[in-house]
């Protein structure tokens, strides 16, 4: 089942860094783990980012023979509840 998340993307242009949110869709079956992530807090504060007060999660995804980590907006509990909620809804085939 596809899950819509907002990913924290940091683009480094040498002298300037852009911090942007990006909407992504991931297959919830590929999620290995979700944990609260505090590693971005100090960076976002030092960059005076408008996202410095937001909560983030580190989501580990299985991509075949490799593992990909993404930083998503929201606490691990919030994301987990979204997954549980979408999986418990009745769906129409090919919805």
PDB file of N, CA and C in Angstrom:
ATOM      1  N   UNK A   1       0.842  -1.171   0.000  1.00  0.00           N
ATOM      2  CA  UNK A   1       0.000   0.000   0.000  1.00  0.00           C
ATOM      3  C   UNK A   1       0.895   1.244   0.000  1.00  0.00           C
ATOM      4  N   UNK A   2       0.563   2.201  -0.825  1.00  0.00           N
ATOM      5  CA  UNK A   2       1.358   3.421  -0.903  1.00  0.00           C
ATOM      6  C   UNK A   2       0.993   4.380   0.230  1.00  0.00           C
ATOM      7  N   UNK A   3       2.016   5.002   0.754  1.00  0.00           N
ATOM      8  CA  UNK A   3       1.869   5.936   1.860  1.00  0.00           C
ATOM      9  C   UNK A   3       2.489   7.257   1.446  1.00  0.00           C
ATOM     10  N   UNK A   4       1.752   8.357   1.587  1.00  0.00           N
ATOM     11  CA  UNK A   4       2.271   9.675   1.238  1.00  0.00           C
ATOM     12  C   UNK A   4       2.975  10.270   2.451  1.00  0.00           C
ATOM     13  N   UNK A   5       4.233  10.665   2.253  1.00  0.00           N
ATOM     14  CA  UNK A   5       5.037  11.294   3.302  1.00  0.00           C
ATOM     15  C   UNK A   5       5.672  12.562   2.772  1.00  0.00           C
ATOM     16  N   UNK A   6       6.128  13.388   3.694  1.00  0.00           N
ATOM     17  CA  UNK A   6       6.880  14.582   3.332  1.00  0.00           C
ATOM     18  C   UNK A   6       8.324  14.354   3.765  1.00  0.00           C
ATOM     19  N   UNK A   7       9.235  14.358   2.800  1.00  0.00           N
ATOM     20  CA  UNK A   7      10.649  14.096   3.057  1.00  0.00           C
ATOM     21  C   UNK A   7      11.408  15.408   3.217  1.00  0.00           C
ATOM     22  N   UNK A   8      12.375  15.420   4.145  1.00  0.00           N
ATOM     23  CA  UNK A   8      13.261  16.563   4.317  1.00  0.00           C
ATOM     24  C   UNK A   8      14.426  16.393   3.356  1.00  0.00           C
ATOM     25  N   UNK A   9      14.581  17.328   2.427  1.00  0.00           N
ATOM     26  CA  UNK A   9      15.651  17.273   1.436  1.00  0.00           C
ATOM     27  C   UNK A   9      16.571  18.464   1.647  1.00  0.00           C
ATOM     28  N   UNK A  10      17.871  18.178   1.744  1.00  0.00           N
ATOM     29  CA  UNK A  10      18.867  19.235   1.903  1.00  0.00           C
ATOM     30  C   UNK A  10      19.738  19.237   0.661  1.00  0.00           C
ATOM     31  N   UNK A  11      19.655  20.313  -0.119  1.00  0.00           N
ATOM     32  CA  UNK A  11      20.458  20.460  -1.326  1.00  0.00           C
ATOM     33  C   UNK A  11      21.653  21.337  -0.991  1.00  0.00           C
ATOM     34  N   UNK A  12      22.842  20.812  -1.200  1.00  0.00           N
ATOM     35  CA  UNK A  12      24.066  21.536  -0.888  1.00  0.00           C
ATOM     36  C   UNK A  12      24.662  22.084  -2.180  1.00  0.00           C
ATOM     37  N   UNK A  13      24.744  23.405  -2.260  1.00  0.00           N
ATOM     38  CA  UNK A  13      25.301  24.067  -3.433  1.00  0.00           C
ATOM     39  C   UNK A  13      26.645  24.711  -3.105  1.00  0.00           C
ATOM     40  N   UNK A  14      27.388  24.118  -2.181  1.00  0.00           N
ATOM     41  CA  UNK A  14      28.695  24.640  -1.795  1.00  0.00           C
ATOM     42  C   UNK A  14      28.581  25.805  -0.836  1.00  0.00           C
ATOM     43  N   UNK A  15      28.278  26.958  -1.337  1.00  0.00           N
ATOM     44  CA  UNK A  15      28.177  28.166  -0.517  1.00  0.00           C
ATOM     45  C   UNK A  15      26.787  28.347   0.085  1.00  0.00           C
ATOM     46  N   UNK A  16      25.826  27.591  -0.406  1.00  0.00           N
ATOM     47  CA  UNK A  16      24.444  27.773   0.031  1.00  0.00           C
ATOM     48  C   UNK A  16      23.757  26.409   0.133  1.00  0.00           C
ATOM     49  N   UNK A  17      22.922  26.251   1.153  1.00  0.00           N
ATOM     50  CA  UNK A  17      22.141  25.024   1.316  1.00  0.00           C
ATOM     51  C   UNK A  17      20.662  25.358   1.273  1.00  0.00           C
ATOM     52  N   UNK A  18      19.934  24.589   0.489  1.00  0.00           N
ATOM     53  CA  UNK A  18      18.479  24.733   0.419  1.00  0.00           C
ATOM     54  C   UNK A  18      17.839  23.588   1.185  1.00  0.00           C
ATOM     55  N   UNK A  19      16.913  23.922   2.039  1.00  0.00           N
ATOM     56  CA  UNK A  19      16.178  22.928   2.818  1.00  0.00           C
ATOM     57  C   UNK A  19      14.735  22.976   2.336  1.00  0.00           C
ATOM     58  N   UNK A  20      14.310  21.873   1.721  1.00  0.00           N
ATOM     59  CA  UNK A  20      12.980  21.860   1.125  1.00  0.00           C
ATOM     60  C   UNK A  20      12.232  20.580   1.505  1.00  0.00           C
ATOM     61  N   UNK A  21      10.923  20.683   1.684  1.00  0.00           N
ATOM     62  CA  UNK A  21      10.112  19.478   1.875  1.00  0.00           C
ATOM     63  C   UNK A  21       9.713  18.932   0.504  1.00  0.00           C
ATOM     64  N   UNK A  22       9.675  17.618   0.399  1.00  0.00           N
ATOM     65  CA  UNK A  22       9.324  16.978  -0.868  1.00  0.00           C
ATOM     66  C   UNK A  22       8.312  15.876  -0.587  1.00  0.00           C
ATOM     67  N   UNK A  23       7.183  15.907  -1.278  1.00  0.00           N
ATOM     68  CA  UNK A  23       6.180  14.854  -1.123  1.00  0.00           C
ATOM     69  C   UNK A  23       6.661  13.602  -1.841  1.00  0.00           C
ATOM     70  N   UNK A  24       6.607  12.473  -1.132  1.00  0.00           N
ATOM     71  CA  UNK A  24       7.002  11.196  -1.719  1.00  0.00           C
ATOM     72  C   UNK A  24       5.936  10.157  -1.391  1.00  0.00           C
ATOM     73  N   UNK A  25       5.905   9.106  -2.180  1.00  0.00           N
ATOM     74  CA  UNK A  25       5.015   7.985  -1.945  1.00  0.00           C
ATOM     75  C   UNK A  25       5.889   6.742  -1.810  1.00  0.00           C
ATOM     76  N   UNK A  26       5.712   6.016  -0.707  1.00  0.00           N
ATOM     77  CA  UNK A  26       6.489   4.799  -0.505  1.00  0.00           C
ATOM     78  C   UNK A  26       5.544   3.628  -0.275  1.00  0.00           C
ATOM     79  N   UNK A  27       6.002   2.462  -0.639  1.00  0.00           N
ATOM     80  CA  UNK A  27       5.247   1.241  -0.400  1.00  0.00           C
ATOM     81  C   UNK A  27       5.466   0.859   1.058  1.00  0.00           C
ATOM     82  N   UNK A  28       4.411   0.778   1.836  1.00  0.00           N
ATOM     83  CA  UNK A  28       4.551   0.490   3.266  1.00  0.00           C
ATOM     84  C   UNK A  28       5.143  -0.896   3.518  1.00  0.00           C
ATOM     85  N   UNK A  29       5.074  -1.797   2.527  1.00  0.00           N
ATOM     86  CA  UNK A  29       5.661  -3.131   2.682  1.00  0.00           C
ATOM     87  C   UNK A  29       7.188  -3.094   2.676  1.00  0.00           C
ATOM     88  N   UNK A  30       7.781  -2.006   2.184  1.00  0.00           N
ATOM     89  CA  UNK A  30       9.242  -1.919   2.116  1.00  0.00           C
ATOM     90  C   UNK A  30       9.865  -1.313   3.373  1.00  0.00           C
ATOM     91  N   UNK A  31       9.047  -0.879   4.323  1.00  0.00           N
ATOM     92  CA  UNK A  31       9.569  -0.248   5.534  1.00  0.00           C
ATOM     93  C   UNK A  31      10.171  -1.302   6.458  1.00  0.00           C
ATOM     94  N   UNK A  32      11.436  -1.091   6.824  1.00  0.00           N
ATOM     95  CA  UNK A  32      12.127  -1.971   7.765  1.00  0.00           C
ATOM     96  C   UNK A  32      11.935  -1.450   9.180  1.00  0.00           C
ATOM     97  N   UNK A  33      12.167  -0.134   9.357  1.00  0.00           N
ATOM     98  CA  UNK A  33      12.034   0.451  10.694  1.00  0.00           C
ATOM     99  C   UNK A  33      11.733   1.941  10.594  1.00  0.00           C
ATOM    100  N   UNK A  34      11.152   2.462  11.668  1.00  0.00           N
ATOM    101  CA  UNK A  34      10.869   3.893  11.810  1.00  0.00           C
ATOM    102  C   UNK A  34      11.295   4.286  13.213  1.00  0.00           C
ATOM    103  N   UNK A  35      12.161   5.300  13.321  1.00  0.00           N
ATOM    104  CA  UNK A  35      12.588   5.791  14.630  1.00  0.00           C
ATOM    105  C   UNK A  35      12.550   7.313  14.626  1.00  0.00           C
ATOM    106  N   UNK A  36      12.311   7.890  15.807  1.00  0.00           N
ATOM    107  CA  UNK A  36      12.398   9.343  15.928  1.00  0.00           C
ATOM    108  C   UNK A  36      13.832   9.760  15.620  1.00  0.00           C
ATOM    109  N   UNK A  37      13.988  10.866  14.899  1.00  0.00           N
ATOM    110  CA  UNK A  37      15.311  11.311  14.460  1.00  0.00           C
ATOM    111  C   UNK A  37      15.560  12.730  14.958  1.00  0.00           C
ATOM    112  N   UNK A  38      16.609  12.873  15.763  1.00  0.00           N
ATOM    113  CA  UNK A  38      16.952  14.189  16.319  1.00  0.00           C
ATOM    114  C   UNK A  38      18.227  14.741  15.698  1.00  0.00           C
ATOM    115  N   UNK A  39      18.799  14.019  14.732  1.00  0.00           N
ATOM    116  CA  UNK A  39      20.053  14.418  14.109  1.00  0.00           C
ATOM    117  C   UNK A  39      19.966  15.697  13.301  1.00  0.00           C
ATOM    118  N   UNK A  40      18.792  16.070  12.855  1.00  0.00           N
ATOM    119  CA  UNK A  40      18.640  17.264  12.036  1.00  0.00           C
ATOM    120  C   UNK A  40      18.391  18.522  12.868  1.00  0.00           C
ATOM    121  N   UNK A  41      18.075  18.353  14.142  1.00  0.00           N
ATOM    122  CA  UNK A  41      17.686  19.504  14.979  1.00  0.00           C
ATOM    123  C   UNK A  41      18.747  20.601  15.009  1.00  0.00           C
ATOM    124  N   UNK A  42      19.973  20.256  15.391  1.00  0.00           N
ATOM    125  CA  UNK A  42      21.035  21.267  15.500  1.00  0.00           C
ATOM    126  C   UNK A  42      21.355  21.902  14.155  1.00  0.00           C
ATOM    127  N   UNK A  43      21.351  21.094  13.101  1.00  0.00           N
ATOM    128  CA  UNK A  43      21.624  21.623  11.764  1.00  0.00           C
ATOM    129  C   UNK A  43      20.563  22.638  11.360  1.00  0.00           C
ATOM    130  N   UNK A  44      19.300  22.297  11.558  1.00  0.00           N
ATOM    131  CA  UNK A  44      18.218  23.199  11.156  1.00  0.00           C
ATOM    132  C   UNK A  44      18.219  24.484  11.977  1.00  0.00           C
ATOM    133  N   UNK A  45      18.581  24.380  13.256  1.00  0.00           N
ATOM    134  CA  UNK A  45      18.681  25.577  14.096  1.00  0.00           C
ATOM    135  C   UNK A  45      19.823  26.464  13.612  1.00  0.00           C
ATOM    136  N   UNK A  46      20.975  25.856  13.304  1.00  0.00           N
ATOM    137  CA  UNK A  46      22.127  26.647  12.852  1.00  0.00           C
ATOM    138  C   UNK A  46      21.873  27.306  11.503  1.00  0.00           C
ATOM    139  N   UNK A  47      21.018  26.697  10.688  1.00  0.00           N
ATOM    140  CA  UNK A  47      20.665  27.269   9.389  1.00  0.00           C
ATOM    141  C   UNK A  47      19.494  28.243   9.490  1.00  0.00           C
ATOM    142  N   UNK A  48      18.972  28.444  10.694  1.00  0.00           N
ATOM    143  CA  UNK A  48      17.798  29.296  10.929  1.00  0.00           C
ATOM    144  C   UNK A  48      16.631  28.884  10.029  1.00  0.00           C
ATOM    145  N   UNK A  49      16.420  27.592   9.944  1.00  0.00           N
ATOM    146  CA  UNK A  49      15.359  27.053   9.088  1.00  0.00           C
ATOM    147  C   UNK A  49      14.000  27.175   9.762  1.00  0.00           C
ATOM    148  N   UNK A  50      12.985  27.379   8.949  1.00  0.00           N
ATOM    149  CA  UNK A  50      11.622  27.443   9.480  1.00  0.00           C
ATOM    150  C   UNK A  50      11.142  26.074   9.934  1.00  0.00           C
ATOM    151  N   UNK A  51      11.893  25.015   9.625  1.00  0.00           N
ATOM    152  CA  UNK A  51      11.539  23.658  10.019  1.00  0.00           C
ATOM    153  C   UNK A  51      12.229  23.219  11.309  1.00  0.00           C
ATOM    154  N   UNK A  52      12.921  24.119  11.976  1.00  0.00           N
ATOM    155  CA  UNK A  52      13.709  23.744  13.156  1.00  0.00           C
ATOM    156  C   UNK A  52      12.849  23.278  14.334  1.00  0.00           C
ATOM    157  N   UNK A  53      11.580  23.623  14.359  1.00  0.00           N
ATOM    158  CA  UNK A  53      10.706  23.186  15.456  1.00  0.00           C
ATOM    159  C   UNK A  53       9.907  21.920  15.125  1.00  0.00           C
ATOM    160  N   UNK A  54      10.063  21.410  13.911  1.00  0.00           N
ATOM    161  CA  UNK A  54       9.320  20.219  13.493  1.00  0.00           C
ATOM    162  C   UNK A  54       9.978  18.951  14.036  1.00  0.00           C
ATOM    163  N   UNK A  55       9.195  17.882  14.081  1.00  0.00           N
ATOM    164  CA  UNK A  55       9.703  16.569  14.478  1.00  0.00           C
ATOM    165  C   UNK A  55       9.978  15.764  13.218  1.00  0.00           C
ATOM    166  N   UNK A  56      11.001  14.903  13.303  1.00  0.00           N
ATOM    167  CA  UNK A  56      11.395  14.107  12.148  1.00  0.00           C
ATOM    168  C   UNK A  56      11.573  12.653  12.546  1.00  0.00           C
ATOM    169  N   UNK A  57      11.461  11.785  11.547  1.00  0.00           N
ATOM    170  CA  UNK A  57      11.686  10.353  11.729  1.00  0.00           C
ATOM    171  C   UNK A  57      12.663   9.869  10.678  1.00  0.00           C
ATOM    172  N   UNK A  58      13.437   8.868  11.056  1.00  0.00           N
ATOM    173  CA  UNK A  58      14.320   8.202  10.118  1.00  0.00           C
ATOM    174  C   UNK A  58      13.630   6.908   9.712  1.00  0.00           C
ATOM    175  N   UNK A  59      13.342   6.781   8.432  1.00  0.00           N
ATOM    176  CA  UNK A  59      12.656   5.608   7.918  1.00  0.00           C
ATOM    177  C   UNK A  59      13.646   4.807   7.085  1.00  0.00           C
ATOM    178  N   UNK A  60      13.797   3.555   7.431  1.00  0.00           N
ATOM    179  CA  UNK A  60      14.700   2.656   6.711  1.00  0.00           C
ATOM    180  C   UNK A  60      13.866   1.782   5.791  1.00  0.00           C
ATOM    181  N   UNK A  61      14.203   1.828   4.480  1.00  0.00           N
ATOM    182  CA  UNK A  61      13.446   1.114   3.456  1.00  0.00           C
ATOM    183  C   UNK A  61      14.309   0.052   2.793  1.00  0.00           C
ATOM    184  N   UNK A  62      13.710  -1.078   2.508  1.00  0.00           N
ATOM    185  CA  UNK A  62      14.386  -2.139   1.772  1.00  0.00           C
ATOM    186  C   UNK A  62      14.173  -1.896   0.278  1.00  0.00           C
ATOM    187  N   UNK A  63      15.257  -1.784  -0.457  1.00  0.00           N
ATOM    188  CA  UNK A  63      15.193  -1.569  -1.903  1.00  0.00           C
ATOM    189  C   UNK A  63      15.891  -2.722  -2.617  1.00  0.00           C
ATOM    190  N   UNK A  64      15.367  -3.912  -2.448  1.00  0.00           N
ATOM    191  CA  UNK A  64      15.983  -5.088  -3.058  1.00  0.00           C
ATOM    192  C   UNK A  64      17.233  -5.496  -2.297  1.00  0.00           C
ATOM    193  N   UNK A  65      18.378  -5.290  -2.906  1.00  0.00           N
ATOM    194  CA  UNK A  65      19.637  -5.680  -2.268  1.00  0.00           C
ATOM    195  C   UNK A  65      20.317  -4.536  -1.524  1.00  0.00           C
ATOM    196  N   UNK A  66      19.642  -3.415  -1.359  1.00  0.00           N
ATOM    197  CA  UNK A  66      20.216  -2.297  -0.597  1.00  0.00           C
ATOM    198  C   UNK A  66      19.162  -1.702   0.329  1.00  0.00           C
ATOM    199  N   UNK A  67      19.637  -0.902   1.262  1.00  0.00           N
ATOM    200  CA  UNK A  67      18.764  -0.242   2.234  1.00  0.00           C
ATOM    201  C   UNK A  67      18.903   1.264   2.039  1.00  0.00           C
ATOM    202  N   UNK A  68      17.764   1.961   2.009  1.00  0.00           N
ATOM    203  CA  UNK A  68      17.754   3.415   1.841  1.00  0.00           C
ATOM    204  C   UNK A  68      17.159   4.050   3.090  1.00  0.00           C
ATOM    205  N   UNK A  69      17.801   5.110   3.573  1.00  0.00           N
ATOM    206  CA  UNK A  69      17.296   5.873   4.711  1.00  0.00           C
ATOM    207  C   UNK A  69      16.735   7.193   4.215  1.00  0.00           C
ATOM    208  N   UNK A  70      15.551   7.557   4.708  1.00  0.00           N
ATOM    209  CA  UNK A  70      14.990   8.868   4.402  1.00  0.00           C
ATOM    210  C   UNK A  70      14.588   9.546   5.705  1.00  0.00           C
ATOM    211  N   UNK A  71      14.673  10.858   5.709  1.00  0.00           N
ATOM    212  CA  UNK A  71      14.231  11.654   6.847  1.00  0.00           C
ATOM    213  C   UNK A  71      12.874  12.236   6.469  1.00  0.00           C
ATOM    214  N   UNK A  72      11.867  11.905   7.270  1.00  0.00           N
ATOM    215  CA  UNK A  72      10.499  12.329   6.980  1.00  0.00           C
ATOM    216  C   UNK A  72       9.982  13.231   8.096  1.00  0.00           C
ATOM    217  N   UNK A  73       9.088  14.132   7.734  1.00  0.00           N
ATOM    218  CA  UNK A  73       8.433  14.987   8.717  1.00  0.00           C
ATOM    219  C   UNK A  73       7.477  14.142   9.553  1.00  0.00           C
ATOM    220  N   UNK A  74       7.441  14.402  10.850  1.00  0.00           N
ATOM    221  CA  UNK A  74       6.520  13.718  11.746  1.00  0.00           C
ATOM    222  C   UNK A  74       7.238  12.736  12.647  1.00  0.00           C
ATOM    223  N   UNK A  75       6.647  12.486  13.803  1.00  0.00           N
ATOM    224  CA  UNK A  75       7.230  11.536  14.753  1.00  0.00           C
ATOM    225  C   UNK A  75       7.025  10.113  14.251  1.00  0.00           C
ATOM    226  N   UNK A  76       7.811   9.194  14.787  1.00  0.00           N
ATOM    227  CA  UNK A  76       7.684   7.781  14.412  1.00  0.00           C
ATOM    228  C   UNK A  76       6.285   7.269  14.752  1.00  0.00           C
ATOM    229  N   UNK A  77       5.765   7.695  15.876  1.00  0.00           N
ATOM    230  CA  UNK A  77       4.434   7.262  16.293  1.00  0.00           C
ATOM    231  C   UNK A  77       3.367   7.739  15.310  1.00  0.00           C
ATOM    232  N   UNK A  78       3.472   8.981  14.854  1.00  0.00           N
ATOM    233  CA  UNK A  78       2.505   9.541  13.907  1.00  0.00           C
ATOM    234  C   UNK A  78       2.546   8.779  12.584  1.00  0.00           C
ATOM    235  N   UNK A  79       3.735   8.503  12.092  1.00  0.00           N
ATOM    236  CA  UNK A  79       3.866   7.788  10.821  1.00  0.00           C
ATOM    237  C   UNK A  79       3.359   6.360  10.956  1.00  0.00           C
ATOM    238  N   UNK A  80       3.702   5.711  12.065  1.00  0.00           N
ATOM    239  CA  UNK A  80       3.229   4.350  12.280  1.00  0.00           C
ATOM    240  C   UNK A  80       1.697   4.304  12.334  1.00  0.00           C
ATOM    241  N   UNK A  81       1.090   5.295  12.990  1.00  0.00           N
ATOM    242  CA  UNK A  81      -0.380   5.308  13.071  1.00  0.00           C
ATOM    243  C   UNK A  81      -0.999   5.522  11.692  1.00  0.00           C
ATOM    244  N   UNK A  82      -0.344   6.309  10.818  1.00  0.00           N
ATOM    245  CA  UNK A  82      -0.843   6.493   9.451  1.00  0.00           C
ATOM    246  C   UNK A  82      -0.793   5.175   8.681  1.00  0.00           C
ATOM    247  N   UNK A  83       0.277   4.408   8.881  1.00  0.00           N
ATOM    248  CA  UNK A  83       0.395   3.111   8.212  1.00  0.00           C
ATOM    249  C   UNK A  83      -0.702   2.180   8.699  1.00  0.00           C
ATOM    250  N   UNK A  84      -0.886   2.118  10.000  1.00  0.00           N
ATOM    251  CA  UNK A  84      -1.911   1.238  10.576  1.00  0.00           C
ATOM    252  C   UNK A  84      -3.298   1.634  10.111  1.00  0.00           C
ATOM    253  N   UNK A  85      -3.538   2.938  10.030  1.00  0.00           N
ATOM    254  CA  UNK A  85      -4.844   3.447   9.618  1.00  0.00           C
ATOM    255  C   UNK A  85      -5.134   3.090   8.166  1.00  0.00           C
ATOM    256  N   UNK A  86      -4.164   3.264   7.285  1.00  0.00           N
ATOM    257  CA  UNK A  86      -4.401   2.983   5.868  1.00  0.00           C
ATOM    258  C   UNK A  86      -4.535   1.486   5.614  1.00  0.00           C
ATOM    259  N   UNK A  87      -3.861   0.658   6.399  1.00  0.00           N
ATOM    260  CA  UNK A  87      -3.956  -0.779   6.196  1.00  0.00           C
ATOM    261  C   UNK A  87      -5.268  -1.348   6.728  1.00  0.00           C
ATOM    262  N   UNK A  88      -5.895  -0.663   7.675  1.00  0.00           N
ATOM    263  CA  UNK A  88      -7.135  -1.184   8.247  1.00  0.00           C
ATOM    264  C   UNK A  88      -8.375  -0.760   7.463  1.00  0.00           C
ATOM    265  N   UNK A  89      -8.240   0.209   6.549  1.00  0.00           N
ATOM    266  CA  UNK A  89      -9.387   0.664   5.767  1.00  0.00           C
ATOM    267  C   UNK A  89      -9.762  -0.374   4.721  1.00  0.00           C
ATOM    268  N   UNK A  90     -11.049  -0.478   4.474  1.00  0.00           N
ATOM    269  CA  UNK A  90     -11.507  -1.334   3.393  1.00  0.00           C
ATOM    270  C   UNK A  90     -11.188  -0.639   2.081  1.00  0.00           C
ATOM    271  N   UNK A  91     -10.761  -1.437   1.113  1.00  0.00           N
ATOM    272  CA  UNK A  91     -10.397  -0.847  -0.178  1.00  0.00           C
ATOM    273  C   UNK A  91     -11.078  -1.588  -1.308  1.00  0.00           C
ATOM    274  N   UNK A  92     -11.256  -0.887  -2.399  1.00  0.00           N
ATOM    275  CA  UNK A  92     -11.773  -1.486  -3.616  1.00  0.00           C
ATOM    276  C   UNK A  92     -10.576  -1.972  -4.414  1.00  0.00           C
ATOM    277  N   UNK A  93     -10.717  -3.109  -5.057  1.00  0.00           N
ATOM    278  CA  UNK A  93      -9.633  -3.640  -5.885  1.00  0.00           C
ATOM    279  C   UNK A  93      -9.195  -2.598  -6.898  1.00  0.00           C
ATOM    280  N   UNK A  94      -7.887  -2.424  -7.058  1.00  0.00           N
ATOM    281  CA  UNK A  94      -7.269  -1.442  -7.966  1.00  0.00           C
ATOM    282  C   UNK A  94      -7.535  -0.002  -7.527  1.00  0.00           C
ATOM    283  N   UNK A  95      -7.750   0.206  -6.260  1.00  0.00           N
ATOM    284  CA  UNK A  95      -7.963   1.566  -5.735  1.00  0.00           C
ATOM    285  C   UNK A  95      -6.633   2.249  -5.549  1.00  0.00           C
TER     286      UNK A  95
END
